Amino acid sequence: MTQYRFVTRDRVGKWYATLAEAQRQANRIGAGFTDALGRFIAYRGTVLEMRELGPA
């Protein structure tokens, strides 16, 4: 299972099970926003991190 989070120079987001959820929460740490068409726009310097979790 892949998990996602956004990282800025000053803040680190939580890990989320879906990219869509990570994008929705990114505004809370100042990593980006969703535009009027529903596309996620990351601010300059924002990094998307991904990690793979093995079987539980």
N, C-alpha and C. Protein backbone atom coordinates (compact mmCIF):
# COMPACT_ATOMS: atom_id res chain seq x y z
N MET A 1 0.84 -1.17 0.00
CA MET A 1 0.00 0.00 0.00
C MET A 1 0.90 1.24 0.00
N THR A 2 0.59 2.19 -0.83
CA THR A 2 1.34 3.43 -0.91
C THR A 2 0.68 4.50 -0.06
N GLN A 3 1.49 5.25 0.67
CA GLN A 3 1.01 6.39 1.44
C GLN A 3 1.67 7.65 0.89
N TYR A 4 1.00 8.80 1.10
CA TYR A 4 1.44 10.07 0.52
C TYR A 4 1.42 11.16 1.57
N ARG A 5 2.35 12.12 1.43
CA ARG A 5 2.33 13.33 2.25
C ARG A 5 3.07 14.44 1.51
N PHE A 6 2.75 15.67 1.87
CA PHE A 6 3.42 16.83 1.31
C PHE A 6 4.33 17.44 2.36
N VAL A 7 5.49 17.91 1.90
CA VAL A 7 6.48 18.51 2.78
C VAL A 7 6.84 19.88 2.22
N THR A 8 6.85 20.88 3.09
CA THR A 8 7.32 22.21 2.71
C THR A 8 8.62 22.48 3.48
N ARG A 9 9.20 23.63 3.25
CA ARG A 9 10.43 23.99 3.94
C ARG A 9 10.23 24.02 5.45
N ASP A 10 9.04 24.41 5.89
CA ASP A 10 8.78 24.60 7.32
C ASP A 10 7.86 23.58 7.97
N ARG A 11 7.12 22.83 7.15
CA ARG A 11 6.10 21.93 7.71
C ARG A 11 6.15 20.57 7.02
N VAL A 12 5.68 19.56 7.75
CA VAL A 12 5.59 18.20 7.22
C VAL A 12 4.17 17.71 7.48
N GLY A 13 3.51 17.23 6.43
CA GLY A 13 2.16 16.72 6.57
C GLY A 13 2.13 15.30 7.11
N LYS A 14 0.96 14.86 7.50
CA LYS A 14 0.77 13.48 7.94
C LYS A 14 0.74 12.57 6.71
N TRP A 15 0.92 11.28 6.95
CA TRP A 15 0.81 10.30 5.88
C TRP A 15 -0.66 9.98 5.65
N TYR A 16 -1.07 9.89 4.38
CA TYR A 16 -2.45 9.57 4.00
C TYR A 16 -2.46 8.39 3.04
N ALA A 17 -3.53 7.62 3.09
CA ALA A 17 -3.65 6.41 2.28
C ALA A 17 -3.89 6.71 0.80
N THR A 18 -4.41 7.90 0.49
CA THR A 18 -4.66 8.23 -0.91
C THR A 18 -4.05 9.59 -1.23
N LEU A 19 -3.66 9.75 -2.48
CA LEU A 19 -3.13 11.03 -2.93
C LEU A 19 -4.18 12.12 -2.82
N ALA A 20 -5.42 11.79 -3.13
CA ALA A 20 -6.51 12.77 -3.06
C ALA A 20 -6.66 13.32 -1.64
N GLU A 21 -6.57 12.47 -0.63
CA GLU A 21 -6.69 12.93 0.76
C GLU A 21 -5.49 13.79 1.14
N ALA A 22 -4.32 13.41 0.73
CA ALA A 22 -3.12 14.21 1.00
C ALA A 22 -3.25 15.60 0.37
N GLN A 23 -3.79 15.65 -0.83
CA GLN A 23 -3.98 16.93 -1.50
C GLN A 23 -5.01 17.79 -0.78
N ARG A 24 -6.09 17.18 -0.30
CA ARG A 24 -7.12 17.93 0.43
C ARG A 24 -6.55 18.53 1.71
N GLN A 25 -5.65 17.82 2.36
CA GLN A 25 -5.08 18.29 3.62
C GLN A 25 -3.87 19.20 3.43
N ALA A 26 -3.35 19.30 2.23
CA ALA A 26 -2.14 20.08 1.97
C ALA A 26 -2.30 21.56 2.28
N ASN A 27 -3.48 22.08 2.13
CA ASN A 27 -3.70 23.49 2.42
C ASN A 27 -3.42 23.81 3.89
N ARG A 28 -3.64 22.86 4.77
CA ARG A 28 -3.43 23.08 6.20
C ARG A 28 -1.98 23.37 6.54
N ILE A 29 -1.04 22.84 5.76
CA ILE A 29 0.38 23.09 6.03
C ILE A 29 0.98 24.08 5.04
N GLY A 30 0.15 24.65 4.20
CA GLY A 30 0.64 25.63 3.24
C GLY A 30 1.39 25.02 2.08
N ALA A 31 1.00 23.81 1.69
CA ALA A 31 1.70 23.11 0.61
C ALA A 31 1.07 23.34 -0.75
N GLY A 32 -0.17 23.78 -0.79
CA GLY A 32 -0.84 23.99 -2.07
C GLY A 32 -2.31 24.23 -1.87
N PHE A 33 -3.04 24.23 -3.00
CA PHE A 33 -4.48 24.47 -2.94
C PHE A 33 -5.15 23.79 -4.13
N THR A 34 -6.46 23.68 -4.07
CA THR A 34 -7.25 23.13 -5.16
C THR A 34 -7.88 24.31 -5.91
N ASP A 35 -7.67 24.35 -7.24
CA ASP A 35 -8.20 25.47 -8.02
C ASP A 35 -9.68 25.27 -8.33
N ALA A 36 -10.26 26.21 -9.04
CA ALA A 36 -11.70 26.18 -9.34
C ALA A 36 -12.11 24.97 -10.18
N LEU A 37 -11.16 24.39 -10.91
CA LEU A 37 -11.45 23.21 -11.73
C LEU A 37 -11.21 21.90 -10.99
N GLY A 38 -10.80 22.00 -9.71
CA GLY A 38 -10.58 20.80 -8.91
C GLY A 38 -9.19 20.21 -9.03
N ARG A 39 -8.26 20.94 -9.67
CA ARG A 39 -6.88 20.46 -9.79
C ARG A 39 -6.06 20.94 -8.61
N PHE A 40 -5.18 20.08 -8.13
CA PHE A 40 -4.30 20.47 -7.03
C PHE A 40 -3.11 21.24 -7.59
N ILE A 41 -2.83 22.39 -6.98
CA ILE A 41 -1.70 23.22 -7.36
C ILE A 41 -0.77 23.31 -6.15
N ALA A 42 0.43 22.76 -6.29
CA ALA A 42 1.41 22.81 -5.20
C ALA A 42 2.18 24.12 -5.28
N TYR A 43 2.47 24.68 -4.11
CA TYR A 43 3.28 25.88 -4.06
C TYR A 43 4.74 25.53 -4.37
N ARG A 44 5.50 26.51 -4.80
CA ARG A 44 6.91 26.32 -5.12
C ARG A 44 7.64 25.78 -3.89
N GLY A 45 8.47 24.78 -4.11
CA GLY A 45 9.24 24.18 -3.03
C GLY A 45 8.55 23.03 -2.32
N THR A 46 7.31 22.77 -2.66
CA THR A 46 6.58 21.67 -2.03
C THR A 46 7.02 20.34 -2.65
N VAL A 47 7.21 19.34 -1.79
CA VAL A 47 7.65 18.02 -2.24
C VAL A 47 6.59 17.00 -1.85
N LEU A 48 6.25 16.13 -2.79
CA LEU A 48 5.36 15.01 -2.51
C LEU A 48 6.23 13.81 -2.15
N GLU A 49 6.02 13.27 -0.95
CA GLU A 49 6.74 12.06 -0.54
C GLU A 49 5.78 10.88 -0.60
N MET A 50 6.33 9.73 -0.97
CA MET A 50 5.54 8.50 -1.03
C MET A 50 6.34 7.40 -0.32
N ARG A 51 5.61 6.50 0.31
CA ARG A 51 6.27 5.34 0.92
C ARG A 51 5.39 4.12 0.71
N GLU A 52 6.05 2.99 0.60
CA GLU A 52 5.35 1.71 0.45
C GLU A 52 5.32 1.00 1.78
N LEU A 53 4.15 0.57 2.17
CA LEU A 53 4.01 -0.24 3.37
C LEU A 53 3.85 -1.69 2.97
N GLY A 54 4.57 -2.56 3.63
CA GLY A 54 4.47 -3.98 3.34
C GLY A 54 3.20 -4.57 3.93
N PRO A 55 3.00 -5.85 3.73
CA PRO A 55 1.82 -6.51 4.30
C PRO A 55 1.86 -6.44 5.83
N ALA A 56 0.68 -6.27 6.39
CA ALA A 56 0.59 -6.12 7.86
C ALA A 56 0.74 -7.42 8.58
